[in-house]
N, C-alpha and C. Protein backbone atom coordinates (compact mmCIF):
# COMPACT_ATOMS: atom_id res chain seq x y z
N UNK A 1 55.87 89.63 49.17
CA UNK A 1 57.04 90.12 49.78
C UNK A 1 56.95 89.95 51.35
N UNK A 2 55.76 90.23 51.88
CA UNK A 2 55.47 90.09 53.29
C UNK A 2 54.06 89.25 53.32
N UNK A 3 54.02 88.22 54.21
CA UNK A 3 52.75 87.60 54.38
C UNK A 3 52.76 86.93 55.69
N UNK A 4 51.69 87.40 56.31
CA UNK A 4 51.29 86.89 57.69
C UNK A 4 50.13 86.04 57.67
N UNK A 5 50.08 84.78 58.12
CA UNK A 5 49.03 83.87 58.05
C UNK A 5 48.63 83.23 59.40
N UNK A 6 47.37 83.64 59.84
CA UNK A 6 46.92 83.31 61.06
C UNK A 6 47.96 83.53 62.32
N UNK A 7 48.60 84.57 62.28
CA UNK A 7 49.44 84.81 63.31
C UNK A 7 48.98 85.42 64.64
N UNK A 8 49.46 84.75 65.68
CA UNK A 8 49.18 85.32 67.01
C UNK A 8 50.40 85.39 67.84
N UNK A 9 50.45 86.40 68.74
CA UNK A 9 51.56 86.56 69.63
C UNK A 9 51.18 86.84 71.03
N UNK A 10 51.67 85.90 71.85
CA UNK A 10 51.46 86.03 73.30
C UNK A 10 52.70 86.24 74.13
N UNK A 11 52.65 87.33 74.91
CA UNK A 11 53.83 87.53 75.90
C UNK A 11 53.38 87.07 77.28
N UNK A 12 54.48 86.55 78.04
CA UNK A 12 54.18 85.86 79.28
C UNK A 12 53.34 86.75 80.30
N UNK A 13 53.79 87.97 80.42
CA UNK A 13 53.09 88.84 81.34
C UNK A 13 52.03 89.79 80.68
N UNK A 14 52.07 90.14 79.44
CA UNK A 14 51.25 90.99 78.84
C UNK A 14 50.03 90.19 78.31
N UNK A 15 50.15 88.93 77.94
CA UNK A 15 49.04 88.19 77.41
C UNK A 15 49.12 88.46 75.87
N UNK A 16 47.96 88.39 75.13
CA UNK A 16 47.88 88.26 73.75
C UNK A 16 48.15 89.67 73.21
N UNK A 17 49.15 89.86 72.21
CA UNK A 17 49.37 91.14 71.64
C UNK A 17 48.76 91.18 70.12
N UNK A 18 48.68 89.88 69.53
CA UNK A 18 48.14 89.82 68.23
C UNK A 18 47.30 88.48 68.27
N UNK A 19 46.15 88.49 67.60
CA UNK A 19 45.30 87.38 67.42
C UNK A 19 44.76 87.15 66.01
N UNK A 20 45.31 85.98 65.59
CA UNK A 20 44.94 85.58 64.17
C UNK A 20 45.12 86.57 63.09
N UNK A 21 46.23 87.18 63.03
CA UNK A 21 46.39 88.26 62.06
C UNK A 21 46.81 87.54 60.66
N UNK A 22 46.24 88.08 59.55
CA UNK A 22 46.52 87.59 58.23
C UNK A 22 46.57 88.67 57.40
N UNK A 23 47.69 88.87 56.53
CA UNK A 23 47.62 90.05 55.47
C UNK A 23 48.87 89.80 54.49
N UNK A 24 48.79 90.20 53.43
CA UNK A 24 49.78 90.09 52.44
C UNK A 24 50.12 91.48 51.79
N UNK A 25 51.41 91.84 51.83
CA UNK A 25 51.97 93.09 51.29
C UNK A 25 52.76 92.66 50.01
N UNK A 26 52.43 93.24 48.91
CA UNK A 26 53.17 92.85 47.69
C UNK A 26 54.19 93.92 47.35
N UNK A 27 54.97 93.30 46.42
CA UNK A 27 56.15 94.27 45.86
C UNK A 27 55.65 95.61 45.59
N UNK A 28 56.31 96.72 46.02
CA UNK A 28 56.00 98.01 45.46
C UNK A 28 54.91 98.83 46.27
N UNK A 29 54.37 98.08 47.37
CA UNK A 29 53.32 98.65 48.18
C UNK A 29 53.96 99.64 49.21
N UNK A 30 53.04 100.78 49.49
CA UNK A 30 53.31 101.78 50.46
C UNK A 30 52.13 101.55 51.43
N UNK A 31 52.35 101.17 52.70
CA UNK A 31 51.41 100.80 53.69
C UNK A 31 51.47 101.65 54.91
N UNK A 32 50.45 102.23 55.30
CA UNK A 32 50.32 102.73 56.73
C UNK A 32 49.66 101.76 57.73
N UNK A 33 50.25 101.31 58.75
CA UNK A 33 49.61 100.52 59.79
C UNK A 33 49.32 101.32 61.02
N UNK A 34 48.03 101.63 61.10
CA UNK A 34 47.41 102.59 62.06
C UNK A 34 46.93 101.86 63.46
N UNK A 35 46.51 102.71 64.35
CA UNK A 35 45.78 102.13 65.58
C UNK A 35 46.49 102.89 66.76
N UNK A 36 45.61 102.79 67.83
CA UNK A 36 45.98 103.40 69.05
C UNK A 36 47.33 102.70 69.64
N UNK A 37 47.94 103.30 70.59
CA UNK A 37 48.94 102.61 71.32
C UNK A 37 48.45 101.30 71.89
N UNK A 38 49.24 100.29 71.82
CA UNK A 38 48.80 99.02 72.33
C UNK A 38 47.92 98.31 71.36
N UNK A 39 47.68 98.63 70.10
CA UNK A 39 46.79 98.05 69.33
C UNK A 39 47.60 96.73 68.60
N UNK A 40 48.93 96.74 68.61
CA UNK A 40 49.70 95.64 68.07
C UNK A 40 50.65 95.93 66.91
N UNK A 41 50.66 97.36 66.54
CA UNK A 41 51.51 97.77 65.46
C UNK A 41 52.94 97.37 65.64
N UNK A 42 53.43 97.72 66.87
CA UNK A 42 54.94 97.35 66.98
C UNK A 42 55.22 95.83 67.00
N UNK A 43 54.29 95.16 67.65
CA UNK A 43 54.51 93.71 67.62
C UNK A 43 54.52 93.18 66.21
N UNK A 44 53.67 93.77 65.43
CA UNK A 44 53.48 93.21 63.99
C UNK A 44 54.82 93.57 63.18
N UNK A 45 55.39 94.80 63.41
CA UNK A 45 56.61 95.14 62.81
C UNK A 45 57.80 94.28 63.29
N UNK A 46 57.83 94.02 64.52
CA UNK A 46 58.86 93.18 65.19
C UNK A 46 58.84 91.70 64.67
N UNK A 47 57.69 91.16 64.49
CA UNK A 47 57.52 89.91 63.81
C UNK A 47 57.88 89.89 62.37
N UNK A 48 57.67 90.97 61.63
CA UNK A 48 58.18 90.94 60.24
C UNK A 48 59.75 91.09 60.21
N UNK A 49 60.31 91.77 61.13
CA UNK A 49 61.79 91.91 61.28
C UNK A 49 62.37 90.65 61.91
N UNK A 50 61.45 89.72 62.46
CA UNK A 50 61.97 88.53 63.06
C UNK A 50 62.65 88.75 64.34
N UNK A 51 62.49 90.02 64.93
CA UNK A 51 63.09 90.21 66.36
C UNK A 51 62.17 89.42 67.29
N UNK A 52 60.96 88.99 66.91
CA UNK A 52 60.11 88.20 67.58
C UNK A 52 59.62 87.08 66.71
N UNK A 53 59.34 85.86 67.34
CA UNK A 53 58.71 84.77 66.72
C UNK A 53 57.10 84.64 67.06
N UNK A 54 56.32 84.48 66.13
CA UNK A 54 54.94 84.32 66.50
C UNK A 54 54.69 83.05 67.48
N UNK A 55 53.70 83.21 68.26
CA UNK A 55 53.34 82.10 69.16
C UNK A 55 52.53 80.91 68.25
N UNK A 56 51.87 81.48 67.31
CA UNK A 56 51.22 80.48 66.39
C UNK A 56 51.15 81.15 64.99
N UNK A 57 51.02 80.46 63.94
CA UNK A 57 50.94 81.07 62.64
C UNK A 57 52.22 81.16 62.09
N UNK A 58 52.33 81.77 60.85
CA UNK A 58 53.63 81.90 60.05
C UNK A 58 53.76 83.34 59.46
N UNK A 59 54.95 83.83 59.54
CA UNK A 59 55.41 85.07 58.97
C UNK A 59 56.39 84.77 57.91
N UNK A 60 56.16 85.28 56.69
CA UNK A 60 56.99 84.97 55.54
C UNK A 60 57.49 86.39 54.99
N UNK A 61 58.86 86.64 54.82
CA UNK A 61 59.29 87.95 54.39
C UNK A 61 60.40 87.68 53.39
N UNK A 62 60.14 88.01 52.14
CA UNK A 62 61.24 87.88 51.08
C UNK A 62 61.91 86.58 51.13
N UNK A 63 61.16 85.55 51.17
CA UNK A 63 61.71 84.07 50.98
C UNK A 63 62.00 83.60 52.38
N UNK A 64 61.95 84.27 53.47
CA UNK A 64 62.27 83.75 54.91
C UNK A 64 61.01 83.46 55.66
N UNK A 65 61.04 82.35 56.28
CA UNK A 65 59.84 81.75 57.05
C UNK A 65 60.10 81.81 58.53
N UNK A 66 59.32 82.32 59.30
CA UNK A 66 59.50 82.31 60.80
C UNK A 66 59.46 80.88 61.33
N UNK A 67 59.02 79.84 60.67
CA UNK A 67 58.93 78.45 60.92
C UNK A 67 60.27 77.76 60.61
N UNK A 68 60.98 78.24 59.58
CA UNK A 68 62.12 77.45 59.14
C UNK A 68 63.45 78.20 59.31
N UNK A 69 63.43 79.55 59.55
CA UNK A 69 64.66 80.36 59.56
C UNK A 69 65.22 80.33 60.98
N UNK A 70 66.49 79.87 61.04
CA UNK A 70 67.22 79.67 62.36
C UNK A 70 67.61 81.06 62.92
N UNK A 71 67.82 81.11 64.20
CA UNK A 71 68.34 82.28 64.75
C UNK A 71 69.60 82.74 64.12
N UNK A 72 70.33 81.84 63.80
CA UNK A 72 71.79 82.09 63.18
C UNK A 72 71.48 82.61 61.90
N UNK A 73 70.56 82.67 61.20
CA UNK A 73 70.30 83.06 59.87
C UNK A 73 69.61 84.41 59.73
N UNK A 74 69.19 84.89 60.99
CA UNK A 74 68.45 86.09 60.98
C UNK A 74 69.26 87.27 60.27
N UNK A 75 70.50 87.32 60.40
CA UNK A 75 71.32 88.40 59.80
C UNK A 75 70.99 88.52 58.25
N UNK A 76 70.77 87.28 57.64
CA UNK A 76 70.43 87.45 56.22
C UNK A 76 69.22 88.05 55.93
N UNK A 77 68.12 87.94 56.79
CA UNK A 77 66.89 88.64 56.55
C UNK A 77 66.96 90.16 56.81
N UNK A 78 67.95 90.45 57.85
CA UNK A 78 68.16 91.88 58.30
C UNK A 78 68.78 92.61 57.10
N UNK A 79 69.39 92.13 56.20
CA UNK A 79 70.04 92.72 55.11
C UNK A 79 68.98 93.07 54.05
N UNK A 80 67.79 92.40 54.16
CA UNK A 80 66.82 92.65 53.19
C UNK A 80 65.57 93.49 53.71
N UNK A 81 65.65 93.57 55.03
CA UNK A 81 64.61 94.28 55.82
C UNK A 81 65.19 95.40 56.65
N UNK A 82 65.09 96.77 56.20
CA UNK A 82 65.58 97.79 57.15
C UNK A 82 64.51 98.19 58.11
N UNK A 83 65.02 98.79 59.27
CA UNK A 83 64.15 99.15 60.27
C UNK A 83 64.38 100.54 60.77
N UNK A 84 63.49 101.44 60.81
CA UNK A 84 63.68 102.84 61.27
C UNK A 84 62.86 102.99 62.63
N UNK A 85 63.53 103.46 63.59
CA UNK A 85 62.84 103.56 65.10
C UNK A 85 62.31 104.95 65.30
N UNK A 86 61.36 105.21 66.05
CA UNK A 86 60.97 106.51 66.48
C UNK A 86 62.19 107.33 67.22
N UNK A 87 62.92 106.56 67.95
CA UNK A 87 64.00 107.36 68.87
C UNK A 87 65.31 107.26 68.26
N UNK A 88 65.38 107.21 66.80
CA UNK A 88 66.62 107.30 65.96
C UNK A 88 67.64 106.29 66.26
N UNK A 89 68.11 106.07 67.41
CA UNK A 89 68.99 104.97 67.82
C UNK A 89 70.39 105.32 67.04
N UNK A 90 70.68 106.52 67.02
CA UNK A 90 72.04 106.76 66.33
C UNK A 90 73.15 106.73 67.34
N UNK A 91 74.55 106.54 66.91
CA UNK A 91 75.53 106.54 67.77
C UNK A 91 75.90 108.10 68.12
N UNK A 92 75.85 108.52 69.28
CA UNK A 92 75.81 110.00 69.73
C UNK A 92 77.21 110.60 69.33
N UNK A 93 78.16 109.86 69.57
CA UNK A 93 79.61 110.47 69.43
C UNK A 93 80.12 110.34 67.97
N UNK A 94 79.34 109.92 67.11
CA UNK A 94 79.89 109.75 65.62
C UNK A 94 79.09 110.85 64.71
N UNK A 95 79.70 110.94 63.59
CA UNK A 95 78.98 111.95 62.56
C UNK A 95 77.99 111.26 61.95
N UNK A 96 77.20 112.00 60.90
CA UNK A 96 76.24 111.45 60.20
C UNK A 96 76.75 110.37 59.33
N UNK A 97 77.82 110.68 58.58
CA UNK A 97 78.47 109.62 57.80
C UNK A 97 78.86 108.45 58.49
N UNK A 98 79.50 108.61 59.64
CA UNK A 98 80.06 107.42 60.45
C UNK A 98 78.85 106.43 60.82
N UNK A 99 77.71 107.19 61.24
CA UNK A 99 76.71 106.33 61.60
C UNK A 99 76.09 105.42 60.55
N UNK A 100 76.17 106.07 59.31
CA UNK A 100 75.64 105.26 58.17
C UNK A 100 76.60 104.19 57.78
N UNK A 101 78.02 104.53 57.93
CA UNK A 101 79.05 103.70 57.53
C UNK A 101 79.06 102.44 58.42
N UNK A 102 78.66 102.67 59.70
CA UNK A 102 78.77 101.60 60.65
C UNK A 102 77.82 100.46 60.07
N UNK A 103 76.90 100.71 59.67
CA UNK A 103 75.84 99.70 59.18
C UNK A 103 76.49 98.79 58.07
N UNK A 104 77.39 99.46 57.25
CA UNK A 104 78.11 98.83 56.18
C UNK A 104 79.43 98.08 56.77
N UNK A 105 79.95 98.77 57.63
CA UNK A 105 81.26 98.24 58.11
C UNK A 105 80.99 96.84 58.85
N UNK A 106 79.93 96.72 59.48
CA UNK A 106 79.68 95.32 60.26
C UNK A 106 79.43 94.18 59.17
N UNK A 107 79.13 94.63 58.06
CA UNK A 107 78.87 93.44 56.95
C UNK A 107 80.24 93.20 56.26
N UNK A 108 81.25 93.90 56.59
CA UNK A 108 82.62 93.58 55.83
C UNK A 108 82.77 94.24 54.48
N UNK A 109 82.03 95.24 54.36
CA UNK A 109 82.09 95.73 52.97
C UNK A 109 83.43 96.59 52.86
N UNK A 110 84.03 96.53 51.61
CA UNK A 110 85.25 97.32 51.43
C UNK A 110 85.28 98.76 51.72
N UNK A 111 86.29 99.38 52.33
CA UNK A 111 86.27 100.68 52.63
C UNK A 111 85.86 101.71 51.72
N UNK A 112 86.36 101.47 50.37
CA UNK A 112 86.10 102.37 49.25
C UNK A 112 84.64 102.42 49.00
N UNK A 113 84.14 101.15 48.95
CA UNK A 113 82.66 100.88 48.70
C UNK A 113 81.77 101.60 49.80
N UNK A 114 82.21 101.49 51.04
CA UNK A 114 81.65 102.21 52.20
C UNK A 114 81.46 103.62 51.92
N UNK A 115 82.66 104.24 51.54
CA UNK A 115 82.58 105.81 51.49
C UNK A 115 81.75 106.13 50.24
N UNK A 116 81.64 105.44 49.17
CA UNK A 116 80.93 105.83 48.19
C UNK A 116 79.29 105.56 48.42
N UNK A 117 79.02 104.42 48.87
CA UNK A 117 77.63 104.22 49.32
C UNK A 117 77.20 105.28 50.37
N UNK A 118 77.86 105.53 51.33
CA UNK A 118 77.59 106.59 52.31
C UNK A 118 77.20 107.88 51.76
N UNK A 119 78.12 108.23 50.96
CA UNK A 119 78.00 109.56 50.12
C UNK A 119 76.56 109.61 49.32
N UNK A 120 76.35 108.59 48.64
CA UNK A 120 75.18 108.39 47.74
C UNK A 120 73.90 108.34 48.68
N UNK A 121 74.02 107.71 49.89
CA UNK A 121 72.74 107.52 50.71
C UNK A 121 72.47 108.90 51.38
N UNK A 122 73.41 109.59 51.96
CA UNK A 122 73.22 110.81 52.49
C UNK A 122 72.66 111.88 51.56
N UNK A 123 73.10 111.84 50.16
CA UNK A 123 72.70 112.74 49.16
C UNK A 123 71.20 112.34 48.94
N UNK A 124 70.83 111.00 48.92
CA UNK A 124 69.43 110.63 48.75
C UNK A 124 68.47 111.06 49.73
N UNK A 125 68.94 111.23 51.00
CA UNK A 125 68.05 111.65 52.08
C UNK A 125 68.33 113.19 52.37
N UNK A 126 69.00 113.78 51.46
CA UNK A 126 69.03 115.28 51.52
C UNK A 126 69.96 115.76 52.55
N UNK A 127 70.95 115.09 52.93
CA UNK A 127 71.88 115.43 53.98
C UNK A 127 73.38 115.35 53.56
N UNK A 128 73.72 115.46 52.28
CA UNK A 128 75.10 115.50 51.96
C UNK A 128 75.89 116.58 52.58
N UNK A 129 75.23 117.71 52.83
CA UNK A 129 75.91 118.94 53.32
C UNK A 129 76.22 118.72 54.92
N UNK A 130 75.60 117.85 55.42
CA UNK A 130 75.72 117.39 56.95
C UNK A 130 76.33 116.22 57.17
N UNK A 131 77.22 115.62 56.32
CA UNK A 131 77.84 114.43 56.50
C UNK A 131 78.73 114.26 57.67
N UNK A 132 79.49 115.44 57.81
CA UNK A 132 80.38 115.48 58.96
C UNK A 132 79.91 116.01 60.30
N UNK A 133 78.64 116.35 60.31
CA UNK A 133 78.06 116.86 61.40
C UNK A 133 77.79 115.76 62.53
N UNK A 134 78.00 115.97 63.80
CA UNK A 134 77.68 115.12 64.74
C UNK A 134 76.31 115.01 65.07
N UNK A 135 75.77 114.07 65.85
CA UNK A 135 74.36 113.92 65.96
C UNK A 135 73.75 115.15 66.77
N UNK A 136 74.36 115.63 67.79
CA UNK A 136 73.90 116.78 68.52
C UNK A 136 73.71 117.97 67.78
N UNK A 137 74.47 117.94 66.60
CA UNK A 137 74.40 119.25 65.95
C UNK A 137 73.23 119.05 64.74
N UNK A 138 72.50 118.00 64.69
CA UNK A 138 71.46 117.99 63.66
C UNK A 138 70.11 118.11 64.44
N UNK A 139 69.08 118.59 63.66
CA UNK A 139 67.77 118.68 64.19
C UNK A 139 67.12 117.25 64.28
N UNK A 140 66.01 117.12 64.93
CA UNK A 140 65.26 115.88 65.00
C UNK A 140 65.06 115.27 63.64
N UNK A 141 64.54 116.09 62.75
CA UNK A 141 64.26 115.61 61.39
C UNK A 141 65.54 115.24 60.76
N UNK A 142 66.54 115.78 60.87
CA UNK A 142 67.88 115.32 60.17
C UNK A 142 68.38 114.17 60.78
N UNK A 143 68.17 114.00 62.20
CA UNK A 143 68.69 112.72 62.74
C UNK A 143 67.77 111.60 62.22
N UNK A 144 66.62 111.68 61.96
CA UNK A 144 65.77 110.71 61.47
C UNK A 144 66.17 110.27 60.04
N UNK A 145 66.49 111.33 59.20
CA UNK A 145 67.07 111.09 57.81
C UNK A 145 68.36 110.27 57.91
N UNK A 146 69.19 110.52 58.85
CA UNK A 146 70.56 109.85 59.04
C UNK A 146 70.02 108.33 59.29
N UNK A 147 69.08 108.12 60.26
CA UNK A 147 68.62 106.71 60.52
C UNK A 147 68.10 106.05 59.20
N UNK A 148 67.35 106.85 58.54
CA UNK A 148 66.80 106.12 57.38
C UNK A 148 67.94 105.83 56.32
N UNK A 149 68.82 106.70 56.15
CA UNK A 149 70.04 106.35 55.31
C UNK A 149 70.78 105.08 55.82
N UNK A 150 70.82 104.96 57.14
CA UNK A 150 71.61 103.80 57.74
C UNK A 150 70.61 102.51 57.56
N UNK A 151 69.32 102.64 57.56
CA UNK A 151 68.41 101.52 57.18
C UNK A 151 68.53 101.11 55.80
N UNK A 152 68.89 102.06 54.87
CA UNK A 152 68.93 101.87 53.46
C UNK A 152 70.33 101.22 53.08
N UNK A 153 71.36 101.21 54.03
CA UNK A 153 72.66 101.00 53.66
C UNK A 153 72.79 99.69 52.91
N UNK A 154 72.13 98.57 53.38
CA UNK A 154 72.43 97.31 52.89
C UNK A 154 71.51 96.89 51.71
N UNK A 155 70.78 98.12 51.21
CA UNK A 155 69.98 97.99 49.95
C UNK A 155 68.80 96.91 50.22
N UNK A 156 68.04 97.18 51.18
CA UNK A 156 66.80 96.21 51.53
C UNK A 156 65.81 96.29 50.47
N UNK A 157 65.05 95.34 50.49
CA UNK A 157 63.75 95.17 49.79
C UNK A 157 62.59 95.65 50.36
N UNK A 158 62.64 95.67 51.70
CA UNK A 158 61.57 96.25 52.69
C UNK A 158 62.06 97.23 53.66
N UNK A 159 61.26 98.31 53.88
CA UNK A 159 61.63 99.22 54.86
C UNK A 159 60.50 99.28 55.89
N UNK A 160 60.77 99.00 57.07
CA UNK A 160 59.85 99.19 58.19
C UNK A 160 60.08 100.34 59.08
N UNK A 161 59.09 101.02 59.39
CA UNK A 161 59.17 102.19 60.23
C UNK A 161 58.28 102.22 61.36
N UNK A 162 58.70 102.20 62.63
CA UNK A 162 57.82 102.26 63.84
C UNK A 162 57.71 103.76 64.38
N UNK A 163 56.48 104.29 64.21
CA UNK A 163 56.27 105.73 64.53
C UNK A 163 57.48 106.59 64.35
N UNK A 164 57.95 106.66 62.96
CA UNK A 164 59.06 107.33 62.68
C UNK A 164 58.93 108.89 62.90
N UNK A 165 57.87 109.44 62.87
CA UNK A 165 57.65 110.83 63.17
C UNK A 165 57.17 111.31 64.44
N UNK A 166 57.13 110.37 65.38
CA UNK A 166 56.47 110.55 66.67
C UNK A 166 57.18 111.65 67.48
N UNK A 167 58.43 111.97 67.19
CA UNK A 167 59.20 113.04 67.83
C UNK A 167 59.41 114.28 67.03
N UNK A 168 58.65 114.40 66.02
CA UNK A 168 58.90 115.43 65.08
C UNK A 168 57.85 116.38 64.88
N UNK A 169 58.35 117.61 64.37
CA UNK A 169 57.03 118.65 64.21
C UNK A 169 56.50 118.28 62.82
N UNK A 170 55.44 119.11 62.48
CA UNK A 170 54.64 118.76 61.29
C UNK A 170 55.48 118.88 60.10
N UNK A 171 56.31 119.97 60.04
CA UNK A 171 57.04 120.14 58.86
C UNK A 171 58.14 118.93 58.57
N UNK A 172 58.78 118.56 59.72
CA UNK A 172 59.76 117.45 59.51
C UNK A 172 58.99 116.15 59.28
N UNK A 173 57.80 115.97 59.94
CA UNK A 173 56.95 114.87 59.60
C UNK A 173 56.68 114.62 58.08
N UNK A 174 56.21 115.66 57.50
CA UNK A 174 55.90 115.69 55.99
C UNK A 174 57.09 115.34 55.29
N UNK A 175 58.24 115.98 55.61
CA UNK A 175 59.44 115.54 54.78
C UNK A 175 59.88 114.13 54.97
N UNK A 176 59.76 113.56 56.15
CA UNK A 176 60.17 112.20 56.18
C UNK A 176 59.24 111.34 55.42
N UNK A 177 57.90 111.37 55.57
CA UNK A 177 56.89 110.72 54.81
C UNK A 177 57.10 110.95 53.22
N UNK A 178 57.33 112.03 52.86
CA UNK A 178 57.66 112.28 51.44
C UNK A 178 58.94 111.47 50.98
N UNK A 179 59.89 111.46 51.86
CA UNK A 179 61.09 110.63 51.58
C UNK A 179 60.82 109.19 51.40
N UNK A 180 59.99 108.75 52.45
CA UNK A 180 59.51 107.32 52.33
C UNK A 180 58.75 107.21 50.89
N UNK A 181 57.95 108.15 50.45
CA UNK A 181 57.40 107.80 49.24
C UNK A 181 58.22 107.83 48.02
N UNK A 182 59.22 108.64 48.10
CA UNK A 182 60.22 108.65 47.09
C UNK A 182 61.04 107.28 47.08
N UNK A 183 61.34 106.82 48.24
CA UNK A 183 62.09 105.40 48.32
C UNK A 183 61.03 104.40 47.75
N UNK A 184 59.80 104.52 48.09
CA UNK A 184 58.84 103.60 47.70
C UNK A 184 58.68 103.50 46.10
N UNK A 185 58.79 104.71 45.62
CA UNK A 185 58.61 104.82 44.11
C UNK A 185 59.95 104.13 43.42
N UNK A 186 60.92 103.83 44.09
CA UNK A 186 62.07 103.12 43.55
C UNK A 186 61.94 101.62 43.54
N UNK A 187 60.72 101.27 44.05
CA UNK A 187 60.34 99.79 44.10
C UNK A 187 60.41 99.14 45.38
N UNK A 188 60.82 99.90 46.46
CA UNK A 188 60.82 99.25 47.88
C UNK A 188 59.62 99.18 48.57
N UNK A 189 59.25 98.08 49.16
CA UNK A 189 58.00 97.99 50.14
C UNK A 189 58.26 98.91 51.28
N UNK A 190 57.34 99.80 51.68
CA UNK A 190 57.58 100.65 52.97
C UNK A 190 56.31 100.34 53.73
N UNK A 191 56.43 99.85 55.03
CA UNK A 191 55.37 99.82 55.98
C UNK A 191 55.63 100.77 57.10
N UNK A 192 54.74 101.67 57.37
CA UNK A 192 54.96 102.81 58.47
C UNK A 192 53.86 102.58 59.47
N UNK A 193 54.25 102.35 60.58
CA UNK A 193 53.25 102.39 61.71
C UNK A 193 53.12 103.87 62.23
N UNK A 194 51.93 104.23 62.44
CA UNK A 194 51.68 105.56 62.96
C UNK A 194 50.33 105.57 63.56
N UNK A 195 50.12 106.44 64.60
CA UNK A 195 48.72 106.64 65.19
C UNK A 195 48.16 107.94 64.72
N UNK A 196 48.96 108.71 63.82
CA UNK A 196 48.52 110.05 63.19
C UNK A 196 47.61 109.82 62.17
N UNK A 197 46.30 109.97 62.34
CA UNK A 197 45.26 109.67 61.32
C UNK A 197 45.22 110.82 60.39
N UNK A 198 45.60 112.10 60.85
CA UNK A 198 45.69 113.37 59.94
C UNK A 198 46.75 113.12 58.85
N UNK A 199 47.96 112.57 59.30
CA UNK A 199 49.03 112.24 58.38
C UNK A 199 48.64 111.18 57.42
N UNK A 200 47.94 110.19 57.75
CA UNK A 200 47.40 109.08 56.89
C UNK A 200 46.50 109.76 55.83
N UNK A 201 45.59 110.53 56.28
CA UNK A 201 44.64 111.21 55.32
C UNK A 201 45.29 112.04 54.23
N UNK A 202 46.58 112.39 54.55
CA UNK A 202 47.30 113.30 53.61
C UNK A 202 47.89 112.71 52.44
N UNK A 203 47.84 111.21 52.54
CA UNK A 203 48.26 110.30 51.41
C UNK A 203 47.31 109.36 51.03
N UNK A 204 46.31 109.76 50.38
CA UNK A 204 45.12 108.90 50.10
C UNK A 204 45.31 107.77 49.14
N UNK A 205 46.44 107.75 48.50
CA UNK A 205 46.69 106.67 47.59
C UNK A 205 47.44 105.51 48.27
N UNK A 206 47.83 105.69 49.52
CA UNK A 206 48.52 104.68 50.27
C UNK A 206 47.55 103.55 50.83
N UNK A 207 47.92 102.44 50.98
CA UNK A 207 47.28 101.43 51.51
C UNK A 207 47.11 101.61 53.08
N UNK A 208 46.05 101.41 53.65
CA UNK A 208 45.91 101.66 55.06
C UNK A 208 45.42 100.43 55.77
N UNK A 209 46.01 99.95 56.74
CA UNK A 209 45.58 98.75 57.58
C UNK A 209 45.45 99.27 59.08
N UNK A 210 44.29 99.21 59.67
CA UNK A 210 44.10 99.62 60.97
C UNK A 210 43.96 98.39 61.95
N UNK A 211 44.63 98.64 63.05
CA UNK A 211 44.70 97.55 63.96
C UNK A 211 44.01 97.98 65.37
N UNK A 212 43.38 97.01 66.00
CA UNK A 212 42.69 97.36 67.25
C UNK A 212 42.68 96.07 68.05
N UNK A 213 43.28 96.11 69.23
CA UNK A 213 43.30 94.95 70.13
C UNK A 213 43.94 93.87 69.56
N UNK A 214 45.06 94.15 68.83
CA UNK A 214 45.64 92.90 68.16
C UNK A 214 45.13 92.31 67.04
N UNK A 215 44.29 92.81 66.35
CA UNK A 215 43.61 92.30 65.09
C UNK A 215 43.50 93.43 64.07
N UNK A 216 43.47 93.04 62.86
CA UNK A 216 43.23 93.95 61.72
C UNK A 216 41.79 94.13 61.56
N UNK A 217 41.36 95.37 61.82
CA UNK A 217 39.84 95.60 61.70
C UNK A 217 39.42 96.48 60.42
N UNK A 218 40.48 96.88 59.66
CA UNK A 218 40.35 97.56 58.47
C UNK A 218 41.56 97.40 57.44
N UNK A 219 41.32 97.26 56.29
CA UNK A 219 42.30 97.00 55.29
C UNK A 219 41.73 97.77 53.93
N UNK A 220 42.29 98.94 53.64
CA UNK A 220 41.82 99.54 52.47
C UNK A 220 41.94 98.65 51.14
N UNK A 221 42.90 97.82 51.04
CA UNK A 221 43.19 96.86 49.91
C UNK A 221 41.91 95.94 49.71
N UNK A 222 41.29 95.66 50.65
CA UNK A 222 40.17 94.75 50.54
C UNK A 222 38.94 95.50 50.01
N UNK A 223 38.87 96.83 49.76
CA UNK A 223 37.88 97.40 49.21
C UNK A 223 38.02 97.69 47.82
N UNK A 224 39.20 97.36 47.34
CA UNK A 224 39.40 97.53 45.94
C UNK A 224 38.85 96.54 44.90
């Protein structure tokens, strides 16, 4: 589903962010990508999402290759790979349902299908009762659930999350990760970047990959 082969990423001013990174995430896996700030977690997720291209090596995601996929075709990948951000990135003057609907409207989905899918997604993330609430009326945890519903709108095969609980309290954090686990049990690959090792230890059956200075220094899958 996701395969990085000898991937390096260098930025003009920052220098090397990733050095010779290789790993393979298979269908149905739940992965924590850990490491301190600056370890390379966000760069790795952005490469998988093809918001960035590697300086060398290849990224393959659900049949798309960083070497062969043109910029004009990236939208096809984005329908298969959802992304959840730490800062939610919701449209502030729209309701929860309108935020989720927007992700479908830009694909040209019929209005009736949009309404039905939005209702289903908000129910899935536990927010059916808050469908008409505006962003400022929602707690941080609820806003992140709206963001997750939006990321799921196109029915992706892969869900990436970059420090999705960084702005949340402990209770909301556990709720978000439990929701990710429920989504994963439906067959979706979930890769969550976090520096919270206490959170990672709370889910001992998850695969853990630790990054340090742009390389993978630990992968629990290699111990099996």
